[in-house]
């Protein structure tokens, strides 16, 4: 779940990116930065450590990212460091992706099933739920045998639970 601070920073960055027609670029830049921080333990320790001086963090960011990301993203990183909000980076990225997807009419969905779904089944689910929400869905399929059968679809903060496990639990509570 994104924090209120993360949402505010994401909104500000989204507004700038939108105004300049660079939503896709900023999203890709932020994604690459988040991935680099998550995959490098050393980078993560430095960037996210609260007692390392902002000037040292900014110098590291300059060396690593200045020539690889757009001006908007690079300047935004500077603002985050200056304001001590580096810990919010992942929340900001998630919120930015949500804003970008809303602007594009896209929603991300996680479909959990007991057995792998075929690409045809995934496409059919994406189409039906997409029509219901009036958005284009990007599905991520997850297999979880513990649900026994049926599917669970999570789209944003909405959950559609059609699993056999939930139905059996509900039935047992009523009995």
C-alpha atoms as a PDB file:
ATOM      1  CA  UNK A   1       0.000   0.000   0.000  1.00  0.00           C
ATOM      2  CA  UNK A   2       1.355   3.394  -0.889  1.00  0.00           C
ATOM      3  CA  UNK A   3       1.846   6.045   1.753  1.00  0.00           C
ATOM      4  CA  UNK A   4       0.230   9.465   1.579  1.00  0.00           C
ATOM      5  CA  UNK A   5       3.668  11.036   1.173  1.00  0.00           C
ATOM      6  CA  UNK A   6       4.503   8.642  -1.651  1.00  0.00           C
ATOM      7  CA  UNK A   7       1.250   9.475  -3.393  1.00  0.00           C
ATOM      8  CA  UNK A   8       1.879  13.231  -3.134  1.00  0.00           C
ATOM      9  CA  UNK A   9       5.388  12.956  -4.558  1.00  0.00           C
ATOM     10  CA  UNK A  10       4.172  10.608  -7.294  1.00  0.00           C
ATOM     11  CA  UNK A  11       1.386  13.028  -8.216  1.00  0.00           C
ATOM     12  CA  UNK A  12       3.843  15.936  -8.452  1.00  0.00           C
ATOM     13  CA  UNK A  13       6.211  13.914 -10.640  1.00  0.00           C
ATOM     14  CA  UNK A  14       3.314  12.630 -12.756  1.00  0.00           C
ATOM     15  CA  UNK A  15       2.043  16.162 -13.339  1.00  0.00           C
ATOM     16  CA  UNK A  16       5.476  17.292 -14.554  1.00  0.00           C
ATOM     17  CA  UNK A  17       5.934  14.179 -16.729  1.00  0.00           C
ATOM     18  CA  UNK A  18       2.448  14.533 -18.174  1.00  0.00           C
ATOM     19  CA  UNK A  19       2.939  18.210 -18.939  1.00  0.00           C
ATOM     20  CA  UNK A  20       6.158  17.394 -20.788  1.00  0.00           C
ATOM     21  CA  UNK A  21       4.817  14.266 -22.524  1.00  0.00           C
ATOM     22  CA  UNK A  22       7.312  11.994 -20.779  1.00  0.00           C
ATOM     23  CA  UNK A  23       5.155   9.678 -18.693  1.00  0.00           C
ATOM     24  CA  UNK A  24       6.549   6.509 -20.292  1.00  0.00           C
ATOM     25  CA  UNK A  25      10.152   7.662 -19.962  1.00  0.00           C
ATOM     26  CA  UNK A  26       9.794   8.694 -16.311  1.00  0.00           C
ATOM     27  CA  UNK A  27       8.023   5.431 -15.478  1.00  0.00           C
ATOM     28  CA  UNK A  28      10.802   3.421 -17.119  1.00  0.00           C
ATOM     29  CA  UNK A  29      13.500   5.526 -15.415  1.00  0.00           C
ATOM     30  CA  UNK A  30      11.921   5.141 -11.983  1.00  0.00           C
ATOM     31  CA  UNK A  31      11.468   1.415 -12.551  1.00  0.00           C
ATOM     32  CA  UNK A  32      15.135   1.022 -13.462  1.00  0.00           C
ATOM     33  CA  UNK A  33      16.219   2.986 -10.382  1.00  0.00           C
ATOM     34  CA  UNK A  34      13.983   0.980  -8.046  1.00  0.00           C
ATOM     35  CA  UNK A  35      15.264  -2.237  -9.609  1.00  0.00           C
ATOM     36  CA  UNK A  36      18.898  -1.128  -9.203  1.00  0.00           C
ATOM     37  CA  UNK A  37      18.334  -0.221  -5.545  1.00  0.00           C
ATOM     38  CA  UNK A  38      16.493  -3.489  -4.832  1.00  0.00           C
ATOM     39  CA  UNK A  39      19.080  -5.654  -6.588  1.00  0.00           C
ATOM     40  CA  UNK A  40      22.193  -4.043  -5.146  1.00  0.00           C
ATOM     41  CA  UNK A  41      22.515  -4.501  -1.409  1.00  0.00           C
ATOM     42  CA  UNK A  42      25.363  -1.970  -1.244  1.00  0.00           C
ATOM     43  CA  UNK A  43      23.432   0.683  -3.182  1.00  0.00           C
ATOM     44  CA  UNK A  44      20.350   0.051  -1.083  1.00  0.00           C
ATOM     45  CA  UNK A  45      22.287   0.444   2.172  1.00  0.00           C
ATOM     46  CA  UNK A  46      23.761   3.774   1.068  1.00  0.00           C
ATOM     47  CA  UNK A  47      20.685   5.323  -0.544  1.00  0.00           C
ATOM     48  CA  UNK A  48      18.276   4.260   2.182  1.00  0.00           C
ATOM     49  CA  UNK A  49      20.511   4.821   5.218  1.00  0.00           C
ATOM     50  CA  UNK A  50      19.187   7.755   7.263  1.00  0.00           C
ATOM     51  CA  UNK A  51      22.601   8.795   8.658  1.00  0.00           C
ATOM     52  CA  UNK A  52      24.473   9.146   5.361  1.00  0.00           C
ATOM     53  CA  UNK A  53      24.705  12.785   4.316  1.00  0.00           C
ATOM     54  CA  UNK A  54      22.459  13.989   1.515  1.00  0.00           C
ATOM     55  CA  UNK A  55      25.509  15.357  -0.336  1.00  0.00           C
ATOM     56  CA  UNK A  56      27.113  11.890  -0.395  1.00  0.00           C
ATOM     57  CA  UNK A  57      23.888  10.311  -1.643  1.00  0.00           C
ATOM     58  CA  UNK A  58      23.496  12.987  -4.312  1.00  0.00           C
ATOM     59  CA  UNK A  59      27.060  12.410  -5.476  1.00  0.00           C
ATOM     60  CA  UNK A  60      26.397   8.678  -5.786  1.00  0.00           C
ATOM     61  CA  UNK A  61      23.137   9.316  -7.670  1.00  0.00           C
ATOM     62  CA  UNK A  62      24.999  11.705 -10.005  1.00  0.00           C
ATOM     63  CA  UNK A  63      27.605   9.055 -10.784  1.00  0.00           C
ATOM     64  CA  UNK A  64      25.155   6.210 -11.259  1.00  0.00           C
ATOM     65  CA  UNK A  65      22.084   7.713 -12.865  1.00  0.00           C
ATOM     66  CA  UNK A  66      22.688  11.170 -14.353  1.00  0.00           C
ATOM     67  CA  UNK A  67      23.625   9.927 -17.819  1.00  0.00           C
ATOM     68  CA  UNK A  68      21.068   7.083 -17.793  1.00  0.00           C
ATOM     69  CA  UNK A  69      17.789   8.766 -16.845  1.00  0.00           C
ATOM     70  CA  UNK A  70      15.884  11.766 -18.105  1.00  0.00           C
ATOM     71  CA  UNK A  71      16.159  15.218 -16.629  1.00  0.00           C
ATOM     72  CA  UNK A  72      12.793  15.017 -14.853  1.00  0.00           C
ATOM     73  CA  UNK A  73      13.651  11.771 -13.092  1.00  0.00           C
ATOM     74  CA  UNK A  74      17.162  12.896 -12.187  1.00  0.00           C
ATOM     75  CA  UNK A  75      15.930  16.189 -10.737  1.00  0.00           C
ATOM     76  CA  UNK A  76      13.213  14.338  -8.865  1.00  0.00           C
ATOM     77  CA  UNK A  77      15.793  12.061  -7.243  1.00  0.00           C
ATOM     78  CA  UNK A  78      17.626  15.177  -6.095  1.00  0.00           C
ATOM     79  CA  UNK A  79      14.433  16.508  -4.501  1.00  0.00           C
ATOM     80  CA  UNK A  80      13.834  13.181  -2.736  1.00  0.00           C
ATOM     81  CA  UNK A  81      17.355  13.166  -1.319  1.00  0.00           C
ATOM     82  CA  UNK A  82      17.213  16.834  -0.357  1.00  0.00           C
ATOM     83  CA  UNK A  83      13.939  16.260   1.526  1.00  0.00           C
ATOM     84  CA  UNK A  84      15.056  12.980   3.110  1.00  0.00           C
ATOM     85  CA  UNK A  85      12.365  10.949   1.337  1.00  0.00           C
ATOM     86  CA  UNK A  86      14.526   8.217  -0.231  1.00  0.00           C
ATOM     87  CA  UNK A  87      12.737   5.566   1.825  1.00  0.00           C
ATOM     88  CA  UNK A  88       9.553   6.443  -0.080  1.00  0.00           C
ATOM     89  CA  UNK A  89      11.063   5.567  -3.478  1.00  0.00           C
ATOM     90  CA  UNK A  90       9.237   2.252  -3.939  1.00  0.00           C
ATOM     91  CA  UNK A  91       5.912   3.736  -2.787  1.00  0.00           C
ATOM     92  CA  UNK A  92       6.394   6.668  -5.133  1.00  0.00           C
ATOM     93  CA  UNK A  93       7.152   4.334  -8.029  1.00  0.00           C
ATOM     94  CA  UNK A  94       4.046   2.210  -7.360  1.00  0.00           C
ATOM     95  CA  UNK A  95       1.857   5.296  -7.083  1.00  0.00           C
ATOM     96  CA  UNK A  96       3.353   6.744 -10.267  1.00  0.00           C
ATOM     97  CA  UNK A  97       2.625   3.503 -12.158  1.00  0.00           C
ATOM     98  CA  UNK A  98      -0.983   3.612 -10.918  1.00  0.00           C
ATOM     99  CA  UNK A  99      -1.378   7.207 -12.079  1.00  0.00           C
ATOM    100  CA  UNK A 100       0.182   6.395 -15.461  1.00  0.00           C
ATOM    101  CA  UNK A 101      -2.003   3.320 -15.892  1.00  0.00           C
ATOM    102  CA  UNK A 102      -5.131   5.300 -15.013  1.00  0.00           C
ATOM    103  CA  UNK A 103      -4.184   7.915 -17.587  1.00  0.00           C
ATOM    104  CA  UNK A 104      -3.731   5.164 -20.185  1.00  0.00           C
ATOM    105  CA  UNK A 105      -6.902   3.301 -19.216  1.00  0.00           C
ATOM    106  CA  UNK A 106      -4.911   0.281 -18.033  1.00  0.00           C
ATOM    107  CA  UNK A 107      -5.286  -1.721 -14.827  1.00  0.00           C
ATOM    108  CA  UNK A 108      -2.962  -4.414 -13.494  1.00  0.00           C
ATOM    109  CA  UNK A 109      -4.603  -7.594 -12.277  1.00  0.00           C
ATOM    110  CA  UNK A 110      -3.274 -10.632 -10.444  1.00  0.00           C
ATOM    111  CA  UNK A 111      -5.161 -13.831 -11.225  1.00  0.00           C
ATOM    112  CA  UNK A 112      -4.636 -16.705  -8.821  1.00  0.00           C
ATOM    113  CA  UNK A 113      -5.760 -20.165  -9.853  1.00  0.00           C
ATOM    114  CA  UNK A 114      -5.223 -23.708  -8.576  1.00  0.00           C
ATOM    115  CA  UNK A 115      -3.786 -24.761 -11.932  1.00  0.00           C
ATOM    116  CA  UNK A 116      -2.022 -22.781 -14.657  1.00  0.00           C
ATOM    117  CA  UNK A 117      -4.365 -20.889 -16.976  1.00  0.00           C
ATOM    118  CA  UNK A 118      -3.904 -21.109 -20.718  1.00  0.00           C
ATOM    119  CA  UNK A 119      -3.151 -17.940 -22.637  1.00  0.00           C
ATOM    120  CA  UNK A 120      -6.660 -18.137 -24.108  1.00  0.00           C
ATOM    121  CA  UNK A 121      -8.216 -18.284 -20.624  1.00  0.00           C
ATOM    122  CA  UNK A 122      -6.078 -15.347 -19.493  1.00  0.00           C
ATOM    123  CA  UNK A 123      -7.089 -13.329 -22.563  1.00  0.00           C
ATOM    124  CA  UNK A 124     -10.781 -14.110 -21.957  1.00  0.00           C
ATOM    125  CA  UNK A 125     -10.536 -13.046 -18.299  1.00  0.00           C
ATOM    126  CA  UNK A 126      -8.704  -9.848 -19.260  1.00  0.00           C
ATOM    127  CA  UNK A 127     -11.368  -9.027 -21.823  1.00  0.00           C
ATOM    128  CA  UNK A 128     -14.375  -9.727 -19.577  1.00  0.00           C
ATOM    129  CA  UNK A 129     -13.056  -7.923 -16.519  1.00  0.00           C
ATOM    130  CA  UNK A 130     -11.653  -5.170 -18.702  1.00  0.00           C
ATOM    131  CA  UNK A 131     -15.098  -4.528 -20.163  1.00  0.00           C
ATOM    132  CA  UNK A 132     -16.610  -4.467 -16.678  1.00  0.00           C
ATOM    133  CA  UNK A 133     -14.080  -1.888 -15.488  1.00  0.00           C
ATOM    134  CA  UNK A 134     -13.864  -0.083 -18.825  1.00  0.00           C
ATOM    135  CA  UNK A 135     -10.081  -0.554 -18.825  1.00  0.00           C
ATOM    136  CA  UNK A 136      -7.501  -2.673 -20.542  1.00  0.00           C
ATOM    137  CA  UNK A 137      -6.180  -5.286 -18.116  1.00  0.00           C
ATOM    138  CA  UNK A 138      -2.603  -6.527 -17.832  1.00  0.00           C
ATOM    139  CA  UNK A 139      -2.747  -9.907 -16.136  1.00  0.00           C
ATOM    140  CA  UNK A 140      -0.170 -11.574 -13.961  1.00  0.00           C
ATOM    141  CA  UNK A 141      -0.986 -15.236 -13.419  1.00  0.00           C
ATOM    142  CA  UNK A 142      -0.169 -16.954 -10.122  1.00  0.00           C
ATOM    143  CA  UNK A 143      -0.692 -20.642  -9.346  1.00  0.00           C
ATOM    144  CA  UNK A 144      -1.730 -21.538  -5.789  1.00  0.00           C
ATOM    145  CA  UNK A 145      -2.996 -25.123  -5.371  1.00  0.00           C
ATOM    146  CA  UNK A 146      -4.315 -24.308  -1.869  1.00  0.00           C
ATOM    147  CA  UNK A 147      -7.348 -22.490  -3.356  1.00  0.00           C
ATOM    148  CA  UNK A 148      -8.505 -25.917  -4.628  1.00  0.00           C
ATOM    149  CA  UNK A 149     -10.332 -24.578  -7.684  1.00  0.00           C
ATOM    150  CA  UNK A 150     -11.845 -21.469  -9.199  1.00  0.00           C
ATOM    151  CA  UNK A 151      -9.955 -18.177  -9.398  1.00  0.00           C
ATOM    152  CA  UNK A 152      -9.143 -15.099  -7.342  1.00  0.00           C
ATOM    153  CA  UNK A 153      -8.676 -11.817  -9.203  1.00  0.00           C
ATOM    154  CA  UNK A 154      -7.124  -8.786  -7.550  1.00  0.00           C
ATOM    155  CA  UNK A 155      -7.399  -5.509  -9.476  1.00  0.00           C
ATOM    156  CA  UNK A 156      -6.053  -2.569  -7.519  1.00  0.00           C
ATOM    157  CA  UNK A 157      -7.782  -2.743  -4.148  1.00  0.00           C
ATOM    158  CA  UNK A 158     -10.691  -4.828  -5.459  1.00  0.00           C
ATOM    159  CA  UNK A 159     -10.765  -8.557  -4.831  1.00  0.00           C
ATOM    160  CA  UNK A 160     -13.013 -10.990  -6.708  1.00  0.00           C
ATOM    161  CA  UNK A 161     -12.810 -14.324  -4.889  1.00  0.00           C
ATOM    162  CA  UNK A 162     -14.351 -17.241  -6.716  1.00  0.00           C
ATOM    163  CA  UNK A 163     -12.117 -19.902  -5.153  1.00  0.00           C
ATOM    164  CA  UNK A 164     -13.430 -23.226  -3.912  1.00  0.00           C
ATOM    165  CA  UNK A 165     -11.513 -22.752  -0.655  1.00  0.00           C
ATOM    166  CA  UNK A 166     -13.435 -19.553   0.178  1.00  0.00           C
ATOM    167  CA  UNK A 167     -16.758 -21.081  -0.830  1.00  0.00           C
ATOM    168  CA  UNK A 168     -16.123 -24.136   1.371  1.00  0.00           C
ATOM    169  CA  UNK A 169     -15.070 -21.937   4.301  1.00  0.00           C
ATOM    170  CA  UNK A 170     -18.207 -19.826   3.876  1.00  0.00           C
ATOM    171  CA  UNK A 171     -20.374 -22.931   3.695  1.00  0.00           C
ATOM    172  CA  UNK A 172     -18.731 -24.358   6.851  1.00  0.00           C
ATOM    173  CA  UNK A 173     -19.408 -21.132   8.775  1.00  0.00           C
ATOM    174  CA  UNK A 174     -23.098 -21.186   7.813  1.00  0.00           C
ATOM    175  CA  UNK A 175     -23.535 -24.835   8.827  1.00  0.00           C
END
